[in-house]
PDB file of N, CA and C in Angstrom:
ATOM      1  N   MET A   1     -13.268  -9.009 -23.124  1.00  0.00           N
ATOM      2  CA  MET A   1     -12.722  -9.116 -21.649  1.00  0.00           C
ATOM      3  C   MET A   1     -13.291  -8.284 -21.122  1.00  0.00           C
ATOM      4  N   LYS A   2     -13.527  -8.479 -19.497  1.00  0.00           N
ATOM      5  CA  LYS A   2     -14.102  -7.658 -18.682  1.00  0.00           C
ATOM      6  C   LYS A   2     -13.063  -7.706 -17.616  1.00  0.00           C
ATOM      7  N   LYS A   3     -12.575  -6.699 -17.244  1.00  0.00           N
ATOM      8  CA  LYS A   3     -11.582  -6.655 -16.382  1.00  0.00           C
ATOM      9  C   LYS A   3     -11.223  -5.627 -15.217  1.00  0.00           C
ATOM     10  N   VAL A   4     -10.865  -5.404 -13.954  1.00  0.00           N
ATOM     11  CA  VAL A   4     -10.431  -4.393 -13.183  1.00  0.00           C
ATOM     12  C   VAL A   4      -9.042  -4.622 -12.243  1.00  0.00           C
ATOM     13  N   TYR A   5      -8.513  -3.768 -12.765  1.00  0.00           N
ATOM     14  CA  TYR A   5      -6.887  -3.556 -11.808  1.00  0.00           C
ATOM     15  C   TYR A   5      -7.127  -2.688 -11.149  1.00  0.00           C
ATOM     16  N   TYR A   6      -6.940  -3.066  -9.566  1.00  0.00           N
ATOM     17  CA  TYR A   6      -7.188  -2.282  -8.558  1.00  0.00           C
ATOM     18  C   TYR A   6      -6.093  -2.773  -7.455  1.00  0.00           C
ATOM     19  N   LEU A   7      -6.119  -1.998  -6.305  1.00  0.00           N
ATOM     20  CA  LEU A   7      -5.520  -1.926  -5.108  1.00  0.00           C
ATOM     21  C   LEU A   7      -6.515  -2.386  -4.001  1.00  0.00           C
ATOM     22  N   LYS A   8      -6.121  -3.533  -3.529  1.00  0.00           N
ATOM     23  CA  LYS A   8      -7.117  -4.034  -2.403  1.00  0.00           C
ATOM     24  C   LYS A   8      -7.053  -3.709  -1.267  1.00  0.00           C
ATOM     25  N   THR A   9      -6.027  -2.533  -0.929  1.00  0.00           N
ATOM     26  CA  THR A   9      -5.734  -1.600   0.450  1.00  0.00           C
ATOM     27  C   THR A   9      -5.839  -0.056  -0.009  1.00  0.00           C
ATOM     28  N   CYS A  10      -6.436  -0.318  -1.291  1.00  0.00           N
ATOM     29  CA  CYS A  10      -7.042   1.035  -1.610  1.00  0.00           C
ATOM     30  C   CYS A  10      -8.822   1.739  -1.154  1.00  0.00           C
ATOM     31  N   ASN A  11      -8.556   2.441  -0.520  1.00  0.00           N
ATOM     32  CA  ASN A  11     -10.168   2.843  -0.253  1.00  0.00           C
ATOM     33  C   ASN A  11     -10.974   3.141  -1.011  1.00  0.00           C
ATOM     34  N   THR A  12     -10.580   3.850  -1.987  1.00  0.00           N
ATOM     35  CA  THR A  12     -10.986   4.766  -3.052  1.00  0.00           C
ATOM     36  C   THR A  12     -11.341   3.838  -4.009  1.00  0.00           C
ATOM     37  N   CYS A  13     -10.038   2.405  -4.148  1.00  0.00           N
ATOM     38  CA  CYS A  13     -10.895   1.362  -5.142  1.00  0.00           C
ATOM     39  C   CYS A  13     -11.774   0.295  -4.450  1.00  0.00           C
ATOM     40  N   LEU A  14     -11.842   0.277  -3.503  1.00  0.00           N
ATOM     41  CA  LEU A  14     -12.757  -0.555  -2.843  1.00  0.00           C
ATOM     42  C   LEU A  14     -14.228   0.425  -2.991  1.00  0.00           C
ATOM     43  N   ARG A  15     -14.045   1.648  -2.874  1.00  0.00           N
ATOM     44  CA  ARG A  15     -15.449   2.187  -2.446  1.00  0.00           C
ATOM     45  C   ARG A  15     -16.022   2.304  -3.718  1.00  0.00           C
ATOM     46  N   ILE A  16     -15.231   2.311  -5.086  1.00  0.00           N
ATOM     47  CA  ILE A  16     -15.505   2.516  -6.754  1.00  0.00           C
ATOM     48  C   ILE A  16     -16.009   0.733  -6.995  1.00  0.00           C
ATOM     49  N   LEU A  17     -15.455  -0.216  -6.692  1.00  0.00           N
ATOM     50  CA  LEU A  17     -16.014  -1.318  -6.596  1.00  0.00           C
ATOM     51  C   LEU A  17     -17.133  -1.533  -6.017  1.00  0.00           C
ATOM     52  N   LYS A  18     -17.223  -1.169  -4.922  1.00  0.00           N
ATOM     53  CA  LYS A  18     -18.627  -1.181  -4.412  1.00  0.00           C
ATOM     54  C   LYS A  18     -19.923  -0.546  -5.189  1.00  0.00           C
ATOM     55  N   GLU A  19     -19.459   0.503  -5.485  1.00  0.00           N
ATOM     56  CA  GLU A  19     -20.116   1.553  -5.999  1.00  0.00           C
ATOM     57  C   GLU A  19     -20.804   1.058  -8.137  1.00  0.00           C
ATOM     58  N   LEU A  20     -19.727   0.490  -8.044  1.00  0.00           N
ATOM     59  CA  LEU A  20     -19.892  -0.345  -9.572  1.00  0.00           C
ATOM     60  C   LEU A  20     -20.877  -1.361  -9.308  1.00  0.00           C
ATOM     61  N   ASN A  21     -20.591  -2.381  -8.303  1.00  0.00           N
ATOM     62  CA  ASN A  21     -21.355  -3.421  -8.388  1.00  0.00           C
ATOM     63  C   ASN A  21     -21.278  -4.049  -9.564  1.00  0.00           C
ATOM     64  N   LEU A  22     -20.365  -4.846  -9.395  1.00  0.00           N
ATOM     65  CA  LEU A  22     -19.772  -5.350 -10.987  1.00  0.00           C
ATOM     66  C   LEU A  22     -20.595  -6.695 -10.889  1.00  0.00           C
ATOM     67  N   SER A  23     -20.981  -7.285 -12.084  1.00  0.00           N
ATOM     68  CA  SER A  23     -21.531  -8.748 -12.348  1.00  0.00           C
ATOM     69  C   SER A  23     -19.862  -9.708 -12.272  1.00  0.00           C
ATOM     70  N   THR A  24     -20.501 -11.064 -12.336  1.00  0.00           N
ATOM     71  CA  THR A  24     -19.300 -11.816 -11.844  1.00  0.00           C
ATOM     72  C   THR A  24     -18.469 -12.137 -13.484  1.00  0.00           C
ATOM     73  N   GLU A  25     -19.059 -11.574 -14.535  1.00  0.00           N
ATOM     74  CA  GLU A  25     -18.260 -11.348 -15.472  1.00  0.00           C
ATOM     75  C   GLU A  25     -16.867 -10.841 -15.374  1.00  0.00           C
ATOM     76  N   PHE A  26     -16.982 -10.355 -14.674  1.00  0.00           N
ATOM     77  CA  PHE A  26     -15.654  -8.909 -14.509  1.00  0.00           C
ATOM     78  C   PHE A  26     -14.334  -9.595 -13.510  1.00  0.00           C
ATOM     79  N   ILE A  27     -13.196  -9.838 -14.115  1.00  0.00           N
ATOM     80  CA  ILE A  27     -12.356 -10.698 -13.131  1.00  0.00           C
ATOM     81  C   ILE A  27     -11.338  -9.100 -12.934  1.00  0.00           C
ATOM     82  N   LEU A  28     -11.376  -9.596 -11.518  1.00  0.00           N
ATOM     83  CA  LEU A  28     -10.454  -8.701 -10.506  1.00  0.00           C
ATOM     84  C   LEU A  28      -9.509  -8.977 -10.395  1.00  0.00           C
ATOM     85  N   GLN A  29      -8.279  -7.789 -10.457  1.00  0.00           N
ATOM     86  CA  GLN A  29      -6.891  -8.616 -10.005  1.00  0.00           C
ATOM     87  C   GLN A  29      -6.631  -7.198  -9.382  1.00  0.00           C
ATOM     88  N   ASP A  30      -6.160  -7.831  -8.086  1.00  0.00           N
ATOM     89  CA  ASP A  30      -5.154  -7.328  -7.402  1.00  0.00           C
ATOM     90  C   ASP A  30      -4.056  -6.925  -7.538  1.00  0.00           C
ATOM     91  N   ILE A  31      -3.252  -5.510  -8.192  1.00  0.00           N
ATOM     92  CA  ILE A  31      -2.074  -5.235  -8.517  1.00  0.00           C
ATOM     93  C   ILE A  31      -0.661  -5.262  -7.525  1.00  0.00           C
ATOM     94  N   LYS A  32      -1.327  -5.421  -6.136  1.00  0.00           N
ATOM     95  CA  LYS A  32      -0.163  -5.991  -5.181  1.00  0.00           C
ATOM     96  C   LYS A  32      -0.177  -7.193  -5.199  1.00  0.00           C
ATOM     97  N   THR A  33      -1.136  -8.082  -4.754  1.00  0.00           N
ATOM     98  CA  THR A  33      -0.529  -9.211  -5.202  1.00  0.00           C
ATOM     99  C   THR A  33      -0.391  -9.932  -6.666  1.00  0.00           C
ATOM    100  N   GLU A  34      -1.446  -9.559  -7.292  1.00  0.00           N
ATOM    101  CA  GLU A  34      -0.612 -10.208  -8.762  1.00  0.00           C
ATOM    102  C   GLU A  34       0.240  -9.216  -9.705  1.00  0.00           C
ATOM    103  N   PRO A  35       0.977  -8.914  -9.685  1.00  0.00           N
ATOM    104  CA  PRO A  35       1.533  -7.832 -10.216  1.00  0.00           C
ATOM    105  C   PRO A  35       0.861  -7.701 -11.940  1.00  0.00           C
ATOM    106  N   ILE A  36       1.125  -7.088 -12.391  1.00  0.00           N
ATOM    107  CA  ILE A  36       1.164  -6.274 -13.938  1.00  0.00           C
ATOM    108  C   ILE A  36       2.091  -7.169 -14.509  1.00  0.00           C
ATOM    109  N   THR A  37       1.296  -7.916 -15.945  1.00  0.00           N
ATOM    110  CA  THR A  37       2.786  -8.504 -16.729  1.00  0.00           C
ATOM    111  C   THR A  37       3.048  -7.108 -17.536  1.00  0.00           C
ATOM    112  N   VAL A  38       4.138  -7.449 -18.209  1.00  0.00           N
ATOM    113  CA  VAL A  38       4.314  -7.031 -19.619  1.00  0.00           C
ATOM    114  C   VAL A  38       2.829  -6.893 -20.821  1.00  0.00           C
ATOM    115  N   LYS A  39       2.686  -7.699 -20.837  1.00  0.00           N
ATOM    116  CA  LYS A  39       1.848  -8.184 -21.711  1.00  0.00           C
ATOM    117  C   LYS A  39       0.601  -7.306 -21.704  1.00  0.00           C
ATOM    118  N   GLN A  40       0.112  -7.695 -19.875  1.00  0.00           N
ATOM    119  CA  GLN A  40      -1.104  -6.752 -19.802  1.00  0.00           C
ATOM    120  C   GLN A  40      -0.885  -4.922 -20.130  1.00  0.00           C
ATOM    121  N   LEU A  41       0.260  -4.603 -19.312  1.00  0.00           N
ATOM    122  CA  LEU A  41       0.503  -3.499 -19.609  1.00  0.00           C
ATOM    123  C   LEU A  41       0.102  -3.361 -21.132  1.00  0.00           C
ATOM    124  N   GLU A  42       0.898  -3.959 -22.021  1.00  0.00           N
ATOM    125  CA  GLU A  42       0.598  -3.466 -23.694  1.00  0.00           C
ATOM    126  C   GLU A  42      -0.398  -3.300 -23.903  1.00  0.00           C
ATOM    127  N   GLU A  43      -1.368  -4.620 -23.624  1.00  0.00           N
ATOM    128  CA  GLU A  43      -2.982  -4.210 -24.086  1.00  0.00           C
ATOM    129  C   GLU A  43      -3.701  -3.331 -23.471  1.00  0.00           C
ATOM    130  N   MET A  44      -3.121  -2.432 -22.228  1.00  0.00           N
ATOM    131  CA  MET A  44      -3.992  -1.487 -21.412  1.00  0.00           C
ATOM    132  C   MET A  44      -2.996  -0.191 -22.413  1.00  0.00           C
ATOM    133  N   ARG A  45      -2.187  -0.437 -22.878  1.00  0.00           N
ATOM    134  CA  ARG A  45      -1.704   0.815 -23.222  1.00  0.00           C
ATOM    135  C   ARG A  45      -2.382   0.868 -24.879  1.00  0.00           C
ATOM    136  N   ALA A  46      -2.625  -0.542 -25.834  1.00  0.00           N
ATOM    137  CA  ALA A  46      -3.192  -0.469 -27.118  1.00  0.00           C
ATOM    138  C   ALA A  46      -4.699   0.449 -26.695  1.00  0.00           C
ATOM    139  N   LEU A  47      -5.570   0.251 -25.966  1.00  0.00           N
ATOM    140  CA  LEU A  47      -6.554   1.123 -25.661  1.00  0.00           C
ATOM    141  C   LEU A  47      -6.506   2.374 -25.174  1.00  0.00           C
ATOM    142  N   SER A  48      -5.394   2.853 -24.299  1.00  0.00           N
ATOM    143  CA  SER A  48      -5.302   4.093 -23.877  1.00  0.00           C
ATOM    144  C   SER A  48      -4.372   4.733 -25.046  1.00  0.00           C
ATOM    145  N   ASP A  49      -4.132   6.183 -25.102  1.00  0.00           N
ATOM    146  CA  ASP A  49      -3.695   6.602 -25.783  1.00  0.00           C
ATOM    147  C   ASP A  49      -1.779   6.664 -25.283  1.00  0.00           C
ATOM    148  N   SER A  50      -1.668   6.224 -24.337  1.00  0.00           N
ATOM    149  CA  SER A  50      -0.233   6.492 -23.983  1.00  0.00           C
ATOM    150  C   SER A  50       0.272   5.392 -23.080  1.00  0.00           C
ATOM    151  N   TYR A  51       1.269   5.184 -22.477  1.00  0.00           N
ATOM    152  CA  TYR A  51       1.770   4.954 -20.823  1.00  0.00           C
ATOM    153  C   TYR A  51       1.944   6.032 -20.207  1.00  0.00           C
ATOM    154  N   GLU A  52       2.130   7.151 -20.035  1.00  0.00           N
ATOM    155  CA  GLU A  52       1.711   8.017 -19.571  1.00  0.00           C
ATOM    156  C   GLU A  52       0.228   8.240 -18.680  1.00  0.00           C
ATOM    157  N   SER A  53      -0.600   8.287 -19.634  1.00  0.00           N
ATOM    158  CA  SER A  53      -1.725   7.935 -19.754  1.00  0.00           C
ATOM    159  C   SER A  53      -2.422   7.188 -18.203  1.00  0.00           C
ATOM    160  N   LEU A  54      -1.542   6.240 -18.284  1.00  0.00           N
ATOM    161  CA  LEU A  54      -1.925   4.631 -16.951  1.00  0.00           C
ATOM    162  C   LEU A  54      -0.969   5.299 -15.986  1.00  0.00           C
ATOM    163  N   PHE A  55       0.060   6.150 -15.825  1.00  0.00           N
ATOM    164  CA  PHE A  55       0.524   6.557 -15.041  1.00  0.00           C
ATOM    165  C   PHE A  55      -0.283   7.478 -14.029  1.00  0.00           C
ATOM    166  N   SER A  56       0.390   7.146 -12.716  1.00  0.00           N
ATOM    167  CA  SER A  56      -0.179   8.203 -11.547  1.00  0.00           C
ATOM    168  C   SER A  56       1.114   8.961 -11.145  1.00  0.00           C
ATOM    169  N   LYS A  57       0.812  10.378 -11.427  1.00  0.00           N
ATOM    170  CA  LYS A  57       1.677  11.193 -10.606  1.00  0.00           C
ATOM    171  C   LYS A  57       1.073  12.010  -9.339  1.00  0.00           C
ATOM    172  N   ARG A  58       0.085  10.941  -8.996  1.00  0.00           N
ATOM    173  CA  ARG A  58      -0.046  11.533  -7.861  1.00  0.00           C
ATOM    174  C   ARG A  58       0.517  10.186  -6.739  1.00  0.00           C
ATOM    175  N   SER A  59       1.318   9.449  -6.927  1.00  0.00           N
ATOM    176  CA  SER A  59       2.011   8.393  -6.395  1.00  0.00           C
ATOM    177  C   SER A  59       3.026   9.389  -5.339  1.00  0.00           C
ATOM    178  N   LYS A  60       2.744   8.634  -4.188  1.00  0.00           N
ATOM    179  CA  LYS A  60       4.109   8.933  -2.974  1.00  0.00           C
ATOM    180  C   LYS A  60       5.431   8.950  -3.904  1.00  0.00           C
ATOM    181  N   LEU A  61       5.635   7.633  -4.212  1.00  0.00           N
ATOM    182  CA  LEU A  61       7.128   7.350  -5.282  1.00  0.00           C
ATOM    183  C   LEU A  61       7.370   8.310  -6.178  1.00  0.00           C
ATOM    184  N   TYR A  62       6.555   8.892  -6.844  1.00  0.00           N
ATOM    185  CA  TYR A  62       7.033   9.532  -7.636  1.00  0.00           C
ATOM    186  C   TYR A  62       7.338  10.858  -7.758  1.00  0.00           C
ATOM    187  N   LYS A  63       6.696  11.678  -6.113  1.00  0.00           N
ATOM    188  CA  LYS A  63       7.511  12.654  -5.577  1.00  0.00           C
ATOM    189  C   LYS A  63       9.207  12.326  -4.700  1.00  0.00           C
ATOM    190  N   GLU A  64       8.865  11.372  -3.989  1.00  0.00           N
ATOM    191  CA  GLU A  64       9.880  10.703  -3.194  1.00  0.00           C
ATOM    192  C   GLU A  64      11.257  10.373  -4.187  1.00  0.00           C
ATOM    193  N   MET A  65      10.966   9.992  -5.670  1.00  0.00           N
ATOM    194  CA  MET A  65      11.834   9.740  -6.491  1.00  0.00           C
ATOM    195  C   MET A  65      12.483  10.567  -7.198  1.00  0.00           C
ATOM    196  N   GLY A  66      11.967  12.138  -7.238  1.00  0.00           N
ATOM    197  CA  GLY A  66      11.994  13.285  -7.701  1.00  0.00           C
ATOM    198  C   GLY A  66      11.836  12.812  -9.389  1.00  0.00           C
ATOM    199  N   LEU A  67      10.622  12.070  -9.641  1.00  0.00           N
ATOM    200  CA  LEU A  67      10.161  11.852 -10.903  1.00  0.00           C
ATOM    201  C   LEU A  67      10.015  12.816 -11.750  1.00  0.00           C
ATOM    202  N   LYS A  68       8.827  14.195 -10.547  1.00  0.00           N
ATOM    203  CA  LYS A  68       8.307  14.966 -10.859  1.00  0.00           C
ATOM    204  C   LYS A  68       9.195  16.153 -11.520  1.00  0.00           C
ATOM    205  N   ASP A  69      10.137  16.195 -11.123  1.00  0.00           N
ATOM    206  CA  ASP A  69      11.547  16.964 -12.051  1.00  0.00           C
ATOM    207  C   ASP A  69      12.341  16.725 -12.957  1.00  0.00           C
ATOM    208  N   GLN A  70      11.916  15.541 -13.789  1.00  0.00           N
ATOM    209  CA  GLN A  70      12.673  14.677 -14.679  1.00  0.00           C
ATOM    210  C   GLN A  70      11.820  15.154 -16.442  1.00  0.00           C
ATOM    211  N   ALA A  71      12.291  14.647 -16.825  1.00  0.00           N
ATOM    212  CA  ALA A  71      11.558  14.641 -18.332  1.00  0.00           C
ATOM    213  C   ALA A  71      11.653  13.313 -18.732  1.00  0.00           C
ATOM    214  N   LEU A  72      10.431  12.494 -17.915  1.00  0.00           N
ATOM    215  CA  LEU A  72      10.184  11.246 -18.543  1.00  0.00           C
ATOM    216  C   LEU A  72       9.273  11.168 -19.919  1.00  0.00           C
ATOM    217  N   GLU A  73       9.885   9.929 -20.491  1.00  0.00           N
ATOM    218  CA  GLU A  73       9.439   9.208 -21.947  1.00  0.00           C
ATOM    219  C   GLU A  73       8.492   8.228 -21.778  1.00  0.00           C
ATOM    220  N   GLU A  74       7.785   7.711 -22.931  1.00  0.00           N
ATOM    221  CA  GLU A  74       7.132   6.749 -22.907  1.00  0.00           C
ATOM    222  C   GLU A  74       7.259   5.558 -22.007  1.00  0.00           C
ATOM    223  N   ARG A  75       8.837   4.891 -22.714  1.00  0.00           N
ATOM    224  CA  ARG A  75       9.611   3.956 -22.347  1.00  0.00           C
ATOM    225  C   ARG A  75       9.630   4.214 -20.465  1.00  0.00           C
ATOM    226  N   ASP A  76       9.664   5.201 -20.062  1.00  0.00           N
ATOM    227  CA  ASP A  76      10.061   5.712 -18.127  1.00  0.00           C
ATOM    228  C   ASP A  76       9.018   5.014 -17.552  1.00  0.00           C
ATOM    229  N   PHE A  77       7.985   5.591 -17.969  1.00  0.00           N
ATOM    230  CA  PHE A  77       6.592   5.208 -17.834  1.00  0.00           C
ATOM    231  C   PHE A  77       5.838   3.958 -17.650  1.00  0.00           C
ATOM    232  N   LYS A  78       6.113   3.157 -18.737  1.00  0.00           N
ATOM    233  CA  LYS A  78       6.332   1.663 -18.926  1.00  0.00           C
ATOM    234  C   LYS A  78       7.040   1.355 -17.679  1.00  0.00           C
ATOM    235  N   HIS A  79       8.487   1.383 -18.013  1.00  0.00           N
ATOM    236  CA  HIS A  79       9.188   0.664 -16.828  1.00  0.00           C
ATOM    237  C   HIS A  79       8.570   0.914 -15.620  1.00  0.00           C
ATOM    238  N   TYR A  80       8.358   2.198 -14.703  1.00  0.00           N
ATOM    239  CA  TYR A  80       7.944   2.598 -13.637  1.00  0.00           C
ATOM    240  C   TYR A  80       6.549   1.763 -13.199  1.00  0.00           C
ATOM    241  N   ILE A  81       5.655   1.935 -14.269  1.00  0.00           N
ATOM    242  CA  ILE A  81       4.647   0.898 -13.672  1.00  0.00           C
ATOM    243  C   ILE A  81       4.984  -0.742 -13.684  1.00  0.00           C
ATOM    244  N   LEU A  82       5.750  -1.095 -14.379  1.00  0.00           N
ATOM    245  CA  LEU A  82       6.089  -2.044 -14.278  1.00  0.00           C
ATOM    246  C   LEU A  82       7.105  -2.690 -13.084  1.00  0.00           C
ATOM    247  N   GLU A  83       7.463  -1.826 -12.467  1.00  0.00           N
ATOM    248  CA  GLU A  83       8.915  -1.521 -11.343  1.00  0.00           C
ATOM    249  C   GLU A  83       7.658  -1.968 -10.226  1.00  0.00           C
ATOM    250  N   HIS A  84       6.683  -1.204  -9.997  1.00  0.00           N
ATOM    251  CA  HIS A  84       5.895  -0.736  -8.700  1.00  0.00           C
ATOM    252  C   HIS A  84       4.360  -0.343  -9.059  1.00  0.00           C
ATOM    253  N   TYR A  85       3.663  -1.035  -8.442  1.00  0.00           N
ATOM    254  CA  TYR A  85       2.275  -1.177  -8.569  1.00  0.00           C
ATOM    255  C   TYR A  85       1.474   0.010  -8.287  1.00  0.00           C
ATOM    256  N   THR A  86       2.259   1.160  -7.663  1.00  0.00           N
ATOM    257  CA  THR A  86       1.916   2.287  -7.185  1.00  0.00           C
ATOM    258  C   THR A  86       1.760   2.926  -8.305  1.00  0.00           C
ATOM    259  N   PHE A  87       2.664   3.157  -8.944  1.00  0.00           N
ATOM    260  CA  PHE A  87       2.630   3.994 -10.078  1.00  0.00           C
ATOM    261  C   PHE A  87       1.487   3.902 -11.392  1.00  0.00           C
ATOM    262  N   LEU A  88       0.559   2.919 -11.250  1.00  0.00           N
ATOM    263  CA  LEU A  88      -0.433   2.424 -12.160  1.00  0.00           C
ATOM    264  C   LEU A  88      -1.350   3.361 -11.487  1.00  0.00           C
ATOM    265  N   SER A  89      -1.973   4.176 -12.440  1.00  0.00           N
ATOM    266  CA  SER A  89      -3.023   4.830 -12.157  1.00  0.00           C
ATOM    267  C   SER A  89      -4.495   3.514 -11.882  1.00  0.00           C
ATOM    268  N   ARG A  90      -5.286   4.094 -10.893  1.00  0.00           N
ATOM    269  CA  ARG A  90      -6.287   3.156  -9.973  1.00  0.00           C
ATOM    270  C   ARG A  90      -7.602   3.703  -9.988  1.00  0.00           C
ATOM    271  N   PRO A  91      -8.761   2.864 -10.071  1.00  0.00           N
ATOM    272  CA  PRO A  91      -8.634   1.237 -11.056  1.00  0.00           C
ATOM    273  C   PRO A  91      -8.551   1.605 -12.509  1.00  0.00           C
ATOM    274  N   VAL A  92      -8.679   0.523 -12.823  1.00  0.00           N
ATOM    275  CA  VAL A  92      -8.215   0.288 -14.487  1.00  0.00           C
ATOM    276  C   VAL A  92      -9.043  -0.570 -14.520  1.00  0.00           C
ATOM    277  N   VAL A  93     -10.535   0.059 -15.738  1.00  0.00           N
ATOM    278  CA  VAL A  93     -11.381  -0.809 -16.278  1.00  0.00           C
ATOM    279  C   VAL A  93     -11.704  -1.235 -17.497  1.00  0.00           C
ATOM    280  N   VAL A  94     -11.258  -2.239 -17.966  1.00  0.00           N
ATOM    281  CA  VAL A  94     -11.475  -2.653 -19.310  1.00  0.00           C
ATOM    282  C   VAL A  94     -12.732  -3.218 -19.439  1.00  0.00           C
ATOM    283  N   ILE A  95     -13.585  -2.811 -20.213  1.00  0.00           N
ATOM    284  CA  ILE A  95     -14.569  -3.380 -20.919  1.00  0.00           C
ATOM    285  C   ILE A  95     -14.563  -3.641 -22.724  1.00  0.00           C
ATOM    286  N   ASP A  96     -14.283  -4.886 -22.901  1.00  0.00           N
ATOM    287  CA  ASP A  96     -13.926  -5.217 -24.252  1.00  0.00           C
ATOM    288  C   ASP A  96     -13.056  -4.123 -25.091  1.00  0.00           C
ATOM    289  N   ASN A  97     -13.123  -3.853 -25.504  1.00  0.00           N
ATOM    290  CA  ASN A  97     -12.213  -2.732 -26.116  1.00  0.00           C
ATOM    291  C   ASN A  97     -12.531  -1.436 -25.566  1.00  0.00           C
ATOM    292  N   ALA A  98     -12.920  -0.976 -24.648  1.00  0.00           N
ATOM    293  CA  ALA A  98     -12.778   0.380 -24.105  1.00  0.00           C
ATOM    294  C   ALA A  98     -11.988   0.283 -22.893  1.00  0.00           C
ATOM    295  N   ILE A  99     -11.524   1.214 -22.280  1.00  0.00           N
ATOM    296  CA  ILE A  99     -10.667   1.059 -21.437  1.00  0.00           C
ATOM    297  C   ILE A  99     -10.823   2.550 -20.801  1.00  0.00           C
ATOM    298  N   PHE A 100     -10.785   2.398 -19.380  1.00  0.00           N
ATOM    299  CA  PHE A 100     -11.281   3.235 -18.375  1.00  0.00           C
ATOM    300  C   PHE A 100     -10.406   3.773 -17.193  1.00  0.00           C
ATOM    301  N   ILE A 101      -9.529   4.500 -17.145  1.00  0.00           N
ATOM    302  CA  ILE A 101      -8.502   4.624 -16.195  1.00  0.00           C
ATOM    303  C   ILE A 101      -8.713   6.128 -15.191  1.00  0.00           C
ATOM    304  N   GLY A 102      -8.185   5.530 -13.842  1.00  0.00           N
ATOM    305  CA  GLY A 102      -8.506   6.436 -12.559  1.00  0.00           C
ATOM    306  C   GLY A 102      -9.945   6.409 -11.752  1.00  0.00           C
ATOM    307  N   ASN A 103      -9.478   7.082 -11.134  1.00  0.00           N
ATOM    308  CA  ASN A 103     -11.206   7.261 -10.078  1.00  0.00           C
ATOM    309  C   ASN A 103     -11.630   8.804 -10.189  1.00  0.00           C
ATOM    310  N   SER A 104     -11.523   9.220 -11.222  1.00  0.00           N
ATOM    311  CA  SER A 104     -12.444  10.790 -11.275  1.00  0.00           C
ATOM    312  C   SER A 104     -13.774  10.074 -11.553  1.00  0.00           C
ATOM    313  N   LYS A 105     -14.926  11.313 -11.337  1.00  0.00           N
ATOM    314  CA  LYS A 105     -16.386  11.169 -11.073  1.00  0.00           C
ATOM    315  C   LYS A 105     -16.731  11.044 -12.613  1.00  0.00           C
ATOM    316  N   LYS A 106     -16.234  11.620 -13.446  1.00  0.00           N
ATOM    317  CA  LYS A 106     -16.672  11.791 -14.596  1.00  0.00           C
ATOM    318  C   LYS A 106     -16.116   9.930 -15.348  1.00  0.00           C
ATOM    319  N   THR A 107     -15.089   9.506 -14.856  1.00  0.00           N
ATOM    320  CA  THR A 107     -14.434   8.524 -15.273  1.00  0.00           C
ATOM    321  C   THR A 107     -15.174   7.350 -15.034  1.00  0.00           C
ATOM    322  N   ILE A 108     -15.996   7.083 -13.725  1.00  0.00           N
ATOM    323  CA  ILE A 108     -16.550   6.319 -12.885  1.00  0.00           C
ATOM    324  C   ILE A 108     -18.131   6.048 -13.739  1.00  0.00           C
ATOM    325  N   GLU A 109     -18.357   8.037 -13.791  1.00  0.00           N
ATOM    326  CA  GLU A 109     -19.638   7.572 -14.679  1.00  0.00           C
ATOM    327  C   GLU A 109     -19.729   7.069 -15.942  1.00  0.00           C
ATOM    328  N   ALA A 110     -18.348   7.130 -17.011  1.00  0.00           N
ATOM    329  CA  ALA A 110     -18.641   6.732 -18.055  1.00  0.00           C
ATOM    330  C   ALA A 110     -18.433   4.995 -17.944  1.00  0.00           C
ATOM    331  N   VAL A 111     -17.898   4.561 -16.835  1.00  0.00           N
ATOM    332  CA  VAL A 111     -18.098   2.664 -16.840  1.00  0.00           C
ATOM    333  C   VAL A 111     -19.222   2.504 -16.327  1.00  0.00           C
ATOM    334  N   LYS A 112     -20.017   3.224 -15.273  1.00  0.00           N
ATOM    335  CA  LYS A 112     -21.325   2.938 -15.400  1.00  0.00           C
ATOM    336  C   LYS A 112     -22.385   2.831 -16.286  1.00  0.00           C
ATOM    337  N   ALA A 113     -22.168   3.884 -17.454  1.00  0.00           N
ATOM    338  CA  ALA A 113     -22.912   4.085 -18.579  1.00  0.00           C
ATOM    339  C   ALA A 113     -22.370   2.979 -19.533  1.00  0.00           C
ATOM    340  N   LYS A 114     -21.187   2.269 -19.617  1.00  0.00           N
ATOM    341  CA  LYS A 114     -20.778   1.262 -20.484  1.00  0.00           C
ATOM    342  C   LYS A 114     -21.242  -0.049 -19.962  1.00  0.00           C
ATOM    343  N   ILE A 115     -21.172  -0.364 -18.712  1.00  0.00           N
ATOM    344  CA  ILE A 115     -21.870  -1.396 -18.445  1.00  0.00           C
ATOM    345  C   ILE A 115     -23.350  -1.276 -18.224  1.00  0.00           C
ATOM    346  N   ASN A 116     -23.816  -0.512 -18.359  1.00  0.00           N
ATOM    347  CA  ASN A 116     -25.572  -0.690 -18.128  1.00  0.00           C
ATOM    348  C   ASN A 116     -26.290  -0.378 -19.912  1.00  0.00           C
ATOM    349  N   LYS A 117     -24.877  -0.385 -20.672  1.00  0.00           N
ATOM    350  CA  LYS A 117     -25.863  -0.591 -21.769  1.00  0.00           C
ATOM    351  C   LYS A 117     -26.439  -1.494 -22.250  1.00  0.00           C
TER     352      LYS A 117
END
């Protein structure tokens, strides 16, 4: 499977998608208009090391809800990601059994390397 979870209203996501120049084999899912399902999140979790690694601590809601002052557990991270799309660290690129989370330069270079293999 080749899939990208992203936000169409996020300029960073759009810049990265353009930079990656993905083939038509990739399925693009705008997480605002097509929310992540429990099954999709569990599949992402199986490829990553935790729900926390999928969680964006840069989200405005993270600060507004005072979550940074709480001791969150795995089930909390899962709950918040499913509750509101902004809690997913974006973009998430899944290529077969590999997952790439977030928009760091290192992550995007790793995606490019995987695609060009």
